[in-house]
Amino acid sequence: MLKVDLKLGTEELSGFISVRCSSFGNVKSVQIHLDAKPFAIVEMATRIEALQLGAFFERTIFGNCVLLYLEDENNSRSGPSFVMPPDECQRTLSTLSCWLI
């Protein structure tokens, strides 16, 4: 689950999510859905980048896209959102590369 400020406009929210996910690779697009259970579909440039992003958030991956549920950071009961350190990103990517062989 990705903690965001759901009070932001769709364009601002899309930009925020794009920046957060760009640490996993090139983000091609972000689609925001603010229904009863808010979520975003994040399209990455490559399948490997999608696998890396999906593995970090433990989310559904389809093609180059990842389904991320959104949680309002203003109503969150847990701690602050976490950004994966670069060395952990590299270990995750190495593991995912083995799955693709």
Protein backbone atom coordinates (compact mmCIF):
# COMPACT_ATOMS: atom_id res chain seq x y z
CA MET A 1 0.00 0.00 0.00
CA LEU A 2 1.30 3.42 -0.94
CA LYS A 3 0.60 6.28 1.46
CA VAL A 4 -0.46 9.46 -0.32
CA ASP A 5 -2.45 12.61 0.40
CA LEU A 6 -5.82 11.72 -1.17
CA LYS A 7 -6.85 15.38 -0.88
CA LEU A 8 -4.47 16.22 -3.76
CA GLY A 9 -5.92 16.66 -7.23
CA THR A 10 -5.65 13.74 -9.64
CA GLU A 11 -2.83 15.39 -11.61
CA GLU A 12 -0.79 16.16 -8.47
CA LEU A 13 -1.44 12.67 -7.10
CA SER A 14 -0.34 11.10 -10.38
CA GLY A 15 2.86 13.16 -10.33
CA PHE A 16 3.59 12.22 -6.71
CA ILE A 17 3.11 8.51 -7.42
CA SER A 18 5.27 8.77 -10.54
CA VAL A 19 8.11 10.32 -8.54
CA ARG A 20 7.83 7.67 -5.78
CA CYS A 21 7.84 4.81 -8.28
CA SER A 22 10.65 6.25 -10.42
CA SER A 23 13.21 4.89 -7.94
CA PHE A 24 12.34 1.47 -9.43
CA GLY A 25 12.74 2.56 -13.08
CA ASN A 26 11.10 4.63 -15.79
CA VAL A 27 7.42 5.29 -15.17
CA LYS A 28 5.48 5.49 -18.44
CA SER A 29 2.07 6.37 -17.02
CA VAL A 30 -0.04 6.48 -13.85
CA GLN A 31 -3.82 6.01 -13.83
CA ILE A 32 -5.60 7.07 -10.64
CA HIS A 33 -8.91 5.52 -9.52
CA LEU A 34 -10.43 7.12 -6.41
CA ASP A 35 -13.38 4.79 -5.93
CA ALA A 36 -14.33 3.18 -2.61
CA LYS A 37 -10.88 1.52 -2.50
CA PRO A 38 -8.46 4.01 -4.12
CA PHE A 39 -5.78 2.53 -6.35
CA ALA A 40 -3.31 3.43 -9.07
CA ILE A 41 -2.17 1.47 -12.09
CA VAL A 42 1.50 2.29 -12.67
CA GLU A 43 2.94 1.39 -16.06
CA MET A 44 6.70 0.92 -16.06
CA ALA A 45 8.97 1.03 -19.12
CA THR A 46 10.07 -2.62 -18.77
CA ARG A 47 8.80 -5.85 -17.28
CA ILE A 48 11.81 -6.03 -14.94
CA GLU A 49 11.01 -2.58 -13.54
CA ALA A 50 7.38 -3.64 -13.03
CA LEU A 51 8.51 -6.81 -11.24
CA GLN A 52 10.80 -4.79 -8.98
CA LEU A 53 8.07 -2.26 -8.10
CA GLY A 54 5.46 -5.00 -7.60
CA ALA A 55 7.78 -7.06 -5.40
CA PHE A 56 8.52 -4.10 -3.16
CA PHE A 57 4.85 -3.26 -2.60
CA GLU A 58 3.79 -6.96 -2.75
CA ARG A 59 1.21 -6.08 -5.38
CA THR A 60 -0.33 -7.53 -8.51
CA ILE A 61 1.74 -7.27 -11.70
CA PHE A 62 0.31 -7.61 -15.20
CA GLY A 63 2.60 -6.99 -18.15
CA ASN A 64 4.54 -3.81 -17.42
CA CYS A 65 1.85 -2.55 -15.02
CA VAL A 66 1.51 -2.74 -11.24
CA LEU A 67 -1.70 -2.30 -9.25
CA LEU A 68 -1.00 -0.19 -6.13
CA TYR A 69 -3.63 0.40 -3.49
CA LEU A 70 -3.53 3.91 -2.05
CA GLU A 71 -3.87 4.81 1.62
CA ASP A 72 -4.56 8.35 2.79
CA GLU A 73 -1.49 9.41 4.77
CA ASN A 74 -3.70 11.80 6.76
CA ASN A 75 -5.76 8.90 8.13
CA SER A 76 -2.95 6.37 8.51
CA ARG A 77 -2.51 4.54 11.80
CA SER A 78 0.89 3.16 10.90
CA GLY A 79 4.26 4.90 10.64
CA PRO A 80 5.57 6.96 7.74
CA SER A 81 5.87 5.44 4.28
CA PHE A 82 9.15 3.73 3.48
CA VAL A 83 11.50 4.24 0.55
CA MET A 84 13.69 1.26 -0.29
CA PRO A 85 17.43 1.97 0.05
CA PRO A 86 19.39 1.70 -3.25
CA ASP A 87 21.33 -1.41 -2.16
CA GLU A 88 18.07 -3.20 -1.34
CA CYS A 89 16.70 -2.18 -4.76
CA GLN A 90 19.71 -3.78 -6.42
CA ARG A 91 19.31 -7.02 -4.43
CA THR A 92 15.61 -7.12 -5.35
CA LEU A 93 16.38 -6.54 -9.02
CA SER A 94 19.02 -9.31 -8.98
CA THR A 95 16.49 -11.72 -7.47
CA LEU A 96 13.84 -10.76 -10.03
CA SER A 97 16.31 -11.18 -12.89
CA CYS A 98 16.77 -14.81 -11.82
CA TRP A 99 13.01 -15.35 -12.15
CA LEU A 100 13.08 -14.17 -15.77
CA ILE A 101 15.77 -16.63 -16.88
